[in-house]
Amino acid sequence: MRLTRILRGEKTVSIDIDVEECTIRRIMFSGDFFAYPEENIEKLEESLKNCRNIECISNAFKTIENILFIGVNWETLKSEVVNMWRALCK
């Protein structure tokens, strides 16, 4: 199953997630926010692949705690990913 959500705050963030059997197969963050260093967004997306529980999702987000986000709060991003994963695992 696939789900897309758009968060609107200072900037717009789109989260596109594919989940099969409660496992994240693909996730992509896009929008007009900024992250420095930029390659950490790809690192986060890769870390979230194959996550099948909230602990794994939380651990993936720990990899980006020290990067600079402009226009989005990473805690909000994490909460939204968890909510989307839960919705697709029902």
PDB file of N, CA and C in Angstrom:
ATOM      1  N   MET A   1       0.845  -1.174   0.000  1.00  0.00           N
ATOM      2  CA  MET A   1       0.000   0.000   0.000  1.00  0.00           C
ATOM      3  C   MET A   1       0.889   1.234   0.000  1.00  0.00           C
ATOM      4  N   ARG A   2       0.359   2.259  -0.559  1.00  0.00           N
ATOM      5  CA  ARG A   2       1.126   3.487  -0.702  1.00  0.00           C
ATOM      6  C   ARG A   2       0.327   4.643  -0.126  1.00  0.00           C
ATOM      7  N   LEU A   3       1.027   5.597   0.476  1.00  0.00           N
ATOM      8  CA  LEU A   3       0.388   6.752   1.078  1.00  0.00           C
ATOM      9  C   LEU A   3       1.296   7.952   0.883  1.00  0.00           C
ATOM     10  N   THR A   4       0.688   9.085   0.592  1.00  0.00           N
ATOM     11  CA  THR A   4       1.435  10.334   0.456  1.00  0.00           C
ATOM     12  C   THR A   4       0.785  11.374   1.348  1.00  0.00           C
ATOM     13  N   ARG A   5       1.594  12.095   2.092  1.00  0.00           N
ATOM     14  CA  ARG A   5       1.090  13.190   2.920  1.00  0.00           C
ATOM     15  C   ARG A   5       1.943  14.416   2.661  1.00  0.00           C
ATOM     16  N   ILE A   6       1.296  15.562   2.779  1.00  0.00           N
ATOM     17  CA  ILE A   6       2.008  16.828   2.617  1.00  0.00           C
ATOM     18  C   ILE A   6       1.880  17.599   3.915  1.00  0.00           C
ATOM     19  N   LEU A   7       3.009  17.938   4.511  1.00  0.00           N
ATOM     20  CA  LEU A   7       3.045  18.742   5.727  1.00  0.00           C
ATOM     21  C   LEU A   7       3.270  20.187   5.339  1.00  0.00           C
ATOM     22  N   ARG A   8       2.502  21.049   5.899  1.00  0.00           N
ATOM     23  CA  ARG A   8       2.676  22.477   5.605  1.00  0.00           C
ATOM     24  C   ARG A   8       2.991  23.210   6.904  1.00  0.00           C
ATOM     25  N   GLY A   9       4.090  23.868   6.908  1.00  0.00           N
ATOM     26  CA  GLY A   9       4.535  24.664   8.045  1.00  0.00           C
ATOM     27  C   GLY A   9       5.231  25.865   7.454  1.00  0.00           C
ATOM     28  N   GLU A  10       6.456  26.073   7.875  1.00  0.00           N
ATOM     29  CA  GLU A  10       7.255  27.111   7.229  1.00  0.00           C
ATOM     30  C   GLU A  10       7.471  26.760   5.763  1.00  0.00           C
ATOM     31  N   LYS A  11       7.712  25.482   5.518  1.00  0.00           N
ATOM     32  CA  LYS A  11       7.952  24.972   4.163  1.00  0.00           C
ATOM     33  C   LYS A  11       7.040  23.780   3.930  1.00  0.00           C
ATOM     34  N   THR A  12       6.951  23.329   2.685  1.00  0.00           N
ATOM     35  CA  THR A  12       6.128  22.179   2.344  1.00  0.00           C
ATOM     36  C   THR A  12       7.007  20.939   2.248  1.00  0.00           C
ATOM     37  N   VAL A  13       6.561  19.856   2.906  1.00  0.00           N
ATOM     38  CA  VAL A  13       7.270  18.585   2.864  1.00  0.00           C
ATOM     39  C   VAL A  13       6.286  17.515   2.429  1.00  0.00           C
ATOM     40  N   SER A  14       6.665  16.758   1.417  1.00  0.00           N
ATOM     41  CA  SER A  14       5.861  15.641   0.946  1.00  0.00           C
ATOM     42  C   SER A  14       6.556  14.350   1.365  1.00  0.00           C
ATOM     43  N   ILE A  15       5.774  13.439   1.949  1.00  0.00           N
ATOM     44  CA  ILE A  15       6.298  12.132   2.344  1.00  0.00           C
ATOM     45  C   ILE A  15       5.548  11.087   1.528  1.00  0.00           C
ATOM     46  N   ASP A  16       6.275  10.323   0.764  1.00  0.00           N
ATOM     47  CA  ASP A  16       5.707   9.260  -0.069  1.00  0.00           C
ATOM     48  C   ASP A  16       6.250   7.939   0.469  1.00  0.00           C
ATOM     49  N   ILE A  17       5.352   7.052   0.908  1.00  0.00           N
ATOM     50  CA  ILE A  17       5.785   5.820   1.564  1.00  0.00           C
ATOM     51  C   ILE A  17       5.052   4.620   0.971  1.00  0.00           C
ATOM     52  N   ASP A  18       5.793   3.556   0.728  1.00  0.00           N
ATOM     53  CA  ASP A  18       5.239   2.264   0.301  1.00  0.00           C
ATOM     54  C   ASP A  18       5.493   1.267   1.416  1.00  0.00           C
ATOM     55  N   VAL A  19       4.432   0.588   1.864  1.00  0.00           N
ATOM     56  CA  VAL A  19       4.538  -0.398   2.932  1.00  0.00           C
ATOM     57  C   VAL A  19       3.901  -1.697   2.466  1.00  0.00           C
ATOM     58  N   GLU A  20       4.622  -2.796   2.632  1.00  0.00           N
ATOM     59  CA  GLU A  20       4.106  -4.131   2.344  1.00  0.00           C
ATOM     60  C   GLU A  20       4.292  -4.979   3.588  1.00  0.00           C
ATOM     61  N   GLU A  21       3.221  -5.622   4.019  1.00  0.00           N
ATOM     62  CA  GLU A  21       3.275  -6.488   5.199  1.00  0.00           C
ATOM     63  C   GLU A  21       3.937  -5.790   6.376  1.00  0.00           C
ATOM     64  N   CYS A  22       3.535  -4.552   6.624  1.00  0.00           N
ATOM     65  CA  CYS A  22       4.034  -3.715   7.727  1.00  0.00           C
ATOM     66  C   CYS A  22       5.537  -3.442   7.647  1.00  0.00           C
ATOM     67  N   THR A  23       6.112  -3.519   6.467  1.00  0.00           N
ATOM     68  CA  THR A  23       7.526  -3.227   6.265  1.00  0.00           C
ATOM     69  C   THR A  23       7.657  -2.089   5.260  1.00  0.00           C
ATOM     70  N   ILE A  24       8.418  -1.074   5.621  1.00  0.00           N
ATOM     71  CA  ILE A  24       8.643   0.041   4.707  1.00  0.00           C
ATOM     72  C   ILE A  24       9.523  -0.444   3.569  1.00  0.00           C
ATOM     73  N   ARG A  25       8.996  -0.400   2.361  1.00  0.00           N
ATOM     74  CA  ARG A  25       9.756  -0.818   1.181  1.00  0.00           C
ATOM     75  C   ARG A  25      10.431   0.370   0.500  1.00  0.00           C
ATOM     76  N   ARG A  26       9.767   1.538   0.580  1.00  0.00           N
ATOM     77  CA  ARG A  26      10.317   2.743  -0.046  1.00  0.00           C
ATOM     78  C   ARG A  26       9.730   3.945   0.663  1.00  0.00           C
ATOM     79  N   ILE A  27      10.549   4.956   0.868  1.00  0.00           N
ATOM     80  CA  ILE A  27      10.072   6.217   1.429  1.00  0.00           C
ATOM     81  C   ILE A  27      10.869   7.341   0.791  1.00  0.00           C
ATOM     82  N   MET A  28      10.197   8.429   0.502  1.00  0.00           N
ATOM     83  CA  MET A  28      10.872   9.561  -0.133  1.00  0.00           C
ATOM     84  C   MET A  28      10.337  10.859   0.468  1.00  0.00           C
ATOM     85  N   PHE A  29      11.259  11.727   0.833  1.00  0.00           N
ATOM     86  CA  PHE A  29      10.923  13.053   1.334  1.00  0.00           C
ATOM     87  C   PHE A  29      11.260  14.058   0.240  1.00  0.00           C
ATOM     88  N   SER A  30      10.343  14.953  -0.028  1.00  0.00           N
ATOM     89  CA  SER A  30      10.612  15.987  -1.017  1.00  0.00           C
ATOM     90  C   SER A  30       9.888  17.260  -0.595  1.00  0.00           C
ATOM     91  N   GLY A  31      10.215  18.346  -1.232  1.00  0.00           N
ATOM     92  CA  GLY A  31       9.566  19.616  -0.923  1.00  0.00           C
ATOM     93  C   GLY A  31      10.547  20.758  -0.993  1.00  0.00           C
ATOM     94  N   ASP A  32      10.145  21.874  -0.384  1.00  0.00           N
ATOM     95  CA  ASP A  32      10.994  23.065  -0.473  1.00  0.00           C
ATOM     96  C   ASP A  32      11.721  23.351   0.845  1.00  0.00           C
ATOM     97  N   PHE A  33      11.961  22.310   1.638  1.00  0.00           N
ATOM     98  CA  PHE A  33      12.753  22.434   2.854  1.00  0.00           C
ATOM     99  C   PHE A  33      14.228  22.210   2.511  1.00  0.00           C
ATOM    100  N   PHE A  34      15.094  22.500   3.468  1.00  0.00           N
ATOM    101  CA  PHE A  34      16.525  22.317   3.261  1.00  0.00           C
ATOM    102  C   PHE A  34      17.106  21.474   4.396  1.00  0.00           C
ATOM    103  N   ALA A  35      18.074  20.669   4.069  1.00  0.00           N
ATOM    104  CA  ALA A  35      18.819  19.897   5.063  1.00  0.00           C
ATOM    105  C   ALA A  35      20.293  20.028   4.737  1.00  0.00           C
ATOM    106  N   TYR A  36      21.102  20.170   5.791  1.00  0.00           N
ATOM    107  CA  TYR A  36      22.540  20.257   5.579  1.00  0.00           C
ATOM    108  C   TYR A  36      23.236  19.314   6.543  1.00  0.00           C
ATOM    109  N   PRO A  37      24.052  18.425   6.076  1.00  0.00           N
ATOM    110  CA  PRO A  37      24.342  18.149   4.669  1.00  0.00           C
ATOM    111  C   PRO A  37      23.180  17.426   3.986  1.00  0.00           C
ATOM    112  N   GLU A  38      22.965  17.770   2.743  1.00  0.00           N
ATOM    113  CA  GLU A  38      21.826  17.314   1.963  1.00  0.00           C
ATOM    114  C   GLU A  38      21.747  15.799   1.809  1.00  0.00           C
ATOM    115  N   GLU A  39      22.895  15.141   1.700  1.00  0.00           N
ATOM    116  CA  GLU A  39      22.896  13.690   1.483  1.00  0.00           C
ATOM    117  C   GLU A  39      22.314  12.914   2.669  1.00  0.00           C
ATOM    118  N   ASN A  40      22.123  13.568   3.812  1.00  0.00           N
ATOM    119  CA  ASN A  40      21.545  12.875   4.957  1.00  0.00           C
ATOM    120  C   ASN A  40      20.065  12.545   4.766  1.00  0.00           C
ATOM    121  N   ILE A  41      19.383  13.251   3.892  1.00  0.00           N
ATOM    122  CA  ILE A  41      17.996  12.894   3.573  1.00  0.00           C
ATOM    123  C   ILE A  41      17.984  11.526   2.895  1.00  0.00           C
ATOM    124  N   GLU A  42      18.887  11.324   1.960  1.00  0.00           N
ATOM    125  CA  GLU A  42      18.990  10.016   1.307  1.00  0.00           C
ATOM    126  C   GLU A  42      19.402   8.948   2.313  1.00  0.00           C
ATOM    127  N   LYS A  43      20.282   9.292   3.228  1.00  0.00           N
ATOM    128  CA  LYS A  43      20.709   8.356   4.265  1.00  0.00           C
ATOM    129  C   LYS A  43      19.513   7.964   5.142  1.00  0.00           C
ATOM    130  N   LEU A  44      18.682   8.920   5.492  1.00  0.00           N
ATOM    131  CA  LEU A  44      17.483   8.636   6.284  1.00  0.00           C
ATOM    132  C   LEU A  44      16.528   7.728   5.517  1.00  0.00           C
ATOM    133  N   GLU A  45      16.289   8.053   4.249  1.00  0.00           N
ATOM    134  CA  GLU A  45      15.396   7.222   3.432  1.00  0.00           C
ATOM    135  C   GLU A  45      15.904   5.778   3.376  1.00  0.00           C
ATOM    136  N   GLU A  46      17.200   5.612   3.212  1.00  0.00           N
ATOM    137  CA  GLU A  46      17.791   4.279   3.156  1.00  0.00           C
ATOM    138  C   GLU A  46      17.684   3.573   4.509  1.00  0.00           C
ATOM    139  N   SER A  47      17.873   4.310   5.596  1.00  0.00           N
ATOM    140  CA  SER A  47      17.781   3.729   6.935  1.00  0.00           C
ATOM    141  C   SER A  47      16.362   3.269   7.275  1.00  0.00           C
ATOM    142  N   LEU A  48      15.375   3.934   6.699  1.00  0.00           N
ATOM    143  CA  LEU A  48      13.978   3.581   6.976  1.00  0.00           C
ATOM    144  C   LEU A  48      13.505   2.363   6.185  1.00  0.00           C
ATOM    145  N   LYS A  49      14.189   2.055   5.093  1.00  0.00           N
ATOM    146  CA  LYS A  49      13.815   0.871   4.311  1.00  0.00           C
ATOM    147  C   LYS A  49      13.927  -0.364   5.182  1.00  0.00           C
ATOM    148  N   ASN A  50      12.960  -1.230   5.044  1.00  0.00           N
ATOM    149  CA  ASN A  50      12.876  -2.496   5.776  1.00  0.00           C
ATOM    150  C   ASN A  50      12.518  -2.347   7.249  1.00  0.00           C
ATOM    151  N   CYS A  51      12.191  -1.120   7.706  1.00  0.00           N
ATOM    152  CA  CYS A  51      11.706  -0.966   9.070  1.00  0.00           C
ATOM    153  C   CYS A  51      10.319  -1.585   9.169  1.00  0.00           C
ATOM    154  N   ARG A  52      10.126  -2.347  10.249  1.00  0.00           N
ATOM    155  CA  ARG A  52       8.833  -2.988  10.448  1.00  0.00           C
ATOM    156  C   ARG A  52       8.265  -2.739  11.833  1.00  0.00           C
ATOM    157  N   ASN A  53       8.861  -1.759  12.564  1.00  0.00           N
ATOM    158  CA  ASN A  53       8.313  -1.389  13.869  1.00  0.00           C
ATOM    159  C   ASN A  53       8.746   0.035  14.219  1.00  0.00           C
ATOM    160  N   ILE A  54       8.144   0.568  15.272  1.00  0.00           N
ATOM    161  CA  ILE A  54       8.405   1.950  15.663  1.00  0.00           C
ATOM    162  C   ILE A  54       9.838   2.119  16.167  1.00  0.00           C
ATOM    163  N   GLU A  55      10.379   1.106  16.823  1.00  0.00           N
ATOM    164  CA  GLU A  55      11.758   1.186  17.315  1.00  0.00           C
ATOM    165  C   GLU A  55      12.737   1.382  16.151  1.00  0.00           C
ATOM    166  N   CYS A  56      12.534   0.655  15.071  1.00  0.00           N
ATOM    167  CA  CYS A  56      13.395   0.786  13.897  1.00  0.00           C
ATOM    168  C   CYS A  56      13.272   2.189  13.291  1.00  0.00           C
ATOM    169  N   ILE A  57      12.046   2.691  13.211  1.00  0.00           N
ATOM    170  CA  ILE A  57      11.822   4.038  12.668  1.00  0.00           C
ATOM    171  C   ILE A  57      12.542   5.071  13.539  1.00  0.00           C
ATOM    172  N   SER A  58      12.391   4.957  14.852  1.00  0.00           N
ATOM    173  CA  SER A  58      13.059   5.888  15.776  1.00  0.00           C
ATOM    174  C   SER A  58      14.575   5.823  15.633  1.00  0.00           C
ATOM    175  N   ASN A  59      15.120   4.616  15.521  1.00  0.00           N
ATOM    176  CA  ASN A  59      16.565   4.470  15.348  1.00  0.00           C
ATOM    177  C   ASN A  59      17.051   5.088  14.049  1.00  0.00           C
ATOM    178  N   ALA A  60      16.254   4.970  12.992  1.00  0.00           N
ATOM    179  CA  ALA A  60      16.626   5.582  11.709  1.00  0.00           C
ATOM    180  C   ALA A  60      16.702   7.099  11.847  1.00  0.00           C
ATOM    181  N   PHE A  61      15.760   7.682  12.584  1.00  0.00           N
ATOM    182  CA  PHE A  61      15.766   9.135  12.763  1.00  0.00           C
ATOM    183  C   PHE A  61      16.915   9.604  13.650  1.00  0.00           C
ATOM    184  N   LYS A  62      17.451   8.723  14.486  1.00  0.00           N
ATOM    185  CA  LYS A  62      18.597   9.099  15.315  1.00  0.00           C
ATOM    186  C   LYS A  62      19.818   9.411  14.449  1.00  0.00           C
ATOM    187  N   THR A  63      19.845   8.864  13.240  1.00  0.00           N
ATOM    188  CA  THR A  63      20.981   9.116  12.348  1.00  0.00           C
ATOM    189  C   THR A  63      21.011  10.557  11.850  1.00  0.00           C
ATOM    190  N   ILE A  64      19.907  11.285  12.009  1.00  0.00           N
ATOM    191  CA  ILE A  64      19.853  12.654  11.491  1.00  0.00           C
ATOM    192  C   ILE A  64      19.672  13.700  12.573  1.00  0.00           C
ATOM    193  N   GLU A  65      19.757  13.311  13.835  1.00  0.00           N
ATOM    194  CA  GLU A  65      19.526  14.267  14.917  1.00  0.00           C
ATOM    195  C   GLU A  65      20.457  15.471  14.863  1.00  0.00           C
ATOM    196  N   ASN A  66      21.639  15.298  14.335  1.00  0.00           N
ATOM    197  CA  ASN A  66      22.616  16.383  14.342  1.00  0.00           C
ATOM    198  C   ASN A  66      22.705  17.157  13.035  1.00  0.00           C
ATOM    199  N   ILE A  67      21.816  16.898  12.089  1.00  0.00           N
ATOM    200  CA  ILE A  67      21.878  17.681  10.866  1.00  0.00           C
ATOM    201  C   ILE A  67      20.952  18.889  10.980  1.00  0.00           C
ATOM    202  N   LEU A  68      21.202  19.869  10.179  1.00  0.00           N
ATOM    203  CA  LEU A  68      20.439  21.106  10.199  1.00  0.00           C
ATOM    204  C   LEU A  68      19.278  21.010   9.220  1.00  0.00           C
ATOM    205  N   PHE A  69      18.067  21.168   9.728  1.00  0.00           N
ATOM    206  CA  PHE A  69      16.873  21.254   8.885  1.00  0.00           C
ATOM    207  C   PHE A  69      16.385  22.686   8.901  1.00  0.00           C
ATOM    208  N   ILE A  70      16.021  23.192   7.754  1.00  0.00           N
ATOM    209  CA  ILE A  70      15.436  24.521   7.650  1.00  0.00           C
ATOM    210  C   ILE A  70      14.063  24.354   7.011  1.00  0.00           C
ATOM    211  N   GLY A  71      13.043  24.780   7.732  1.00  0.00           N
ATOM    212  CA  GLY A  71      11.686  24.728   7.192  1.00  0.00           C
ATOM    213  C   GLY A  71      10.870  23.535   7.647  1.00  0.00           C
ATOM    214  N   VAL A  72      11.493  22.620   8.400  1.00  0.00           N
ATOM    215  CA  VAL A  72      10.763  21.466   8.906  1.00  0.00           C
ATOM    216  C   VAL A  72      11.429  20.997  10.202  1.00  0.00           C
ATOM    217  N   ASN A  73      10.619  20.545  11.126  1.00  0.00           N
ATOM    218  CA  ASN A  73      11.113  20.004  12.378  1.00  0.00           C
ATOM    219  C   ASN A  73      11.244  18.499  12.220  1.00  0.00           C
ATOM    220  N   TRP A  74      12.408  17.942  12.510  1.00  0.00           N
ATOM    221  CA  TRP A  74      12.611  16.513  12.273  1.00  0.00           C
ATOM    222  C   TRP A  74      11.764  15.653  13.193  1.00  0.00           C
ATOM    223  N   GLU A  75      11.395  16.148  14.383  1.00  0.00           N
ATOM    224  CA  GLU A  75      10.500  15.400  15.274  1.00  0.00           C
ATOM    225  C   GLU A  75       9.102  15.287  14.655  1.00  0.00           C
ATOM    226  N   THR A  76       8.647  16.348  14.009  1.00  0.00           N
ATOM    227  CA  THR A  76       7.359  16.324  13.314  1.00  0.00           C
ATOM    228  C   THR A  76       7.410  15.328  12.165  1.00  0.00           C
ATOM    229  N   LEU A  77       8.510  15.327  11.461  1.00  0.00           N
ATOM    230  CA  LEU A  77       8.710  14.390  10.352  1.00  0.00           C
ATOM    231  C   LEU A  77       8.655  12.946  10.860  1.00  0.00           C
ATOM    232  N   LYS A  78       9.336  12.677  11.956  1.00  0.00           N
ATOM    233  CA  LYS A  78       9.346  11.332  12.538  1.00  0.00           C
ATOM    234  C   LYS A  78       7.939  10.919  12.962  1.00  0.00           C
ATOM    235  N   SER A  79       7.219  11.805  13.633  1.00  0.00           N
ATOM    236  CA  SER A  79       5.862  11.495  14.075  1.00  0.00           C
ATOM    237  C   SER A  79       4.956  11.176  12.898  1.00  0.00           C
ATOM    238  N   GLU A  80       5.118  11.916  11.828  1.00  0.00           N
ATOM    239  CA  GLU A  80       4.282  11.688  10.653  1.00  0.00           C
ATOM    240  C   GLU A  80       4.603  10.352   9.993  1.00  0.00           C
ATOM    241  N   VAL A  81       5.874   9.994   9.918  1.00  0.00           N
ATOM    242  CA  VAL A  81       6.252   8.692   9.354  1.00  0.00           C
ATOM    243  C   VAL A  81       5.650   7.566  10.194  1.00  0.00           C
ATOM    244  N   VAL A  82       5.725   7.679  11.511  1.00  0.00           N
ATOM    245  CA  VAL A  82       5.137   6.666  12.389  1.00  0.00           C
ATOM    246  C   VAL A  82       3.628   6.574  12.159  1.00  0.00           C
ATOM    247  N   ASN A  83       2.958   7.717  12.074  1.00  0.00           N
ATOM    248  CA  ASN A  83       1.504   7.722  11.846  1.00  0.00           C
ATOM    249  C   ASN A  83       1.138   7.086  10.505  1.00  0.00           C
ATOM    250  N   MET A  84       1.917   7.378   9.484  1.00  0.00           N
ATOM    251  CA  MET A  84       1.656   6.807   8.170  1.00  0.00           C
ATOM    252  C   MET A  84       1.883   5.293   8.181  1.00  0.00           C
ATOM    253  N   TRP A  85       2.967   4.847   8.823  1.00  0.00           N
ATOM    254  CA  TRP A  85       3.267   3.422   8.928  1.00  0.00           C
ATOM    255  C   TRP A  85       2.131   2.703   9.654  1.00  0.00           C
ATOM    256  N   ARG A  86       1.671   3.292  10.763  1.00  0.00           N
ATOM    257  CA  ARG A  86       0.550   2.690  11.518  1.00  0.00           C
ATOM    258  C   ARG A  86      -0.701   2.577  10.653  1.00  0.00           C
ATOM    259  N   ALA A  87      -0.995   3.629   9.916  1.00  0.00           N
ATOM    260  CA  ALA A  87      -2.201   3.630   9.070  1.00  0.00           C
ATOM    261  C   ALA A  87      -2.133   2.540   8.005  1.00  0.00           C
ATOM    262  N   LEU A  88      -0.957   2.288   7.473  1.00  0.00           N
ATOM    263  CA  LEU A  88      -0.802   1.280   6.425  1.00  0.00           C
ATOM    264  C   LEU A  88      -0.680  -0.138   6.976  1.00  0.00           C
ATOM    265  N   CYS A  89      -0.487  -0.270   8.283  1.00  0.00           N
ATOM    266  CA  CYS A  89      -0.349  -1.608   8.890  1.00  0.00           C
ATOM    267  C   CYS A  89      -1.649  -2.109   9.516  1.00  0.00           C
ATOM    268  N   LYS A  90      -2.697  -1.387   9.365  1.00  0.00           N
ATOM    269  CA  LYS A  90      -3.988  -1.817   9.946  1.00  0.00           C
ATOM    270  C   LYS A  90      -4.537  -2.999   9.200  1.00  0.00           C
TER     271      LYS A  90
END
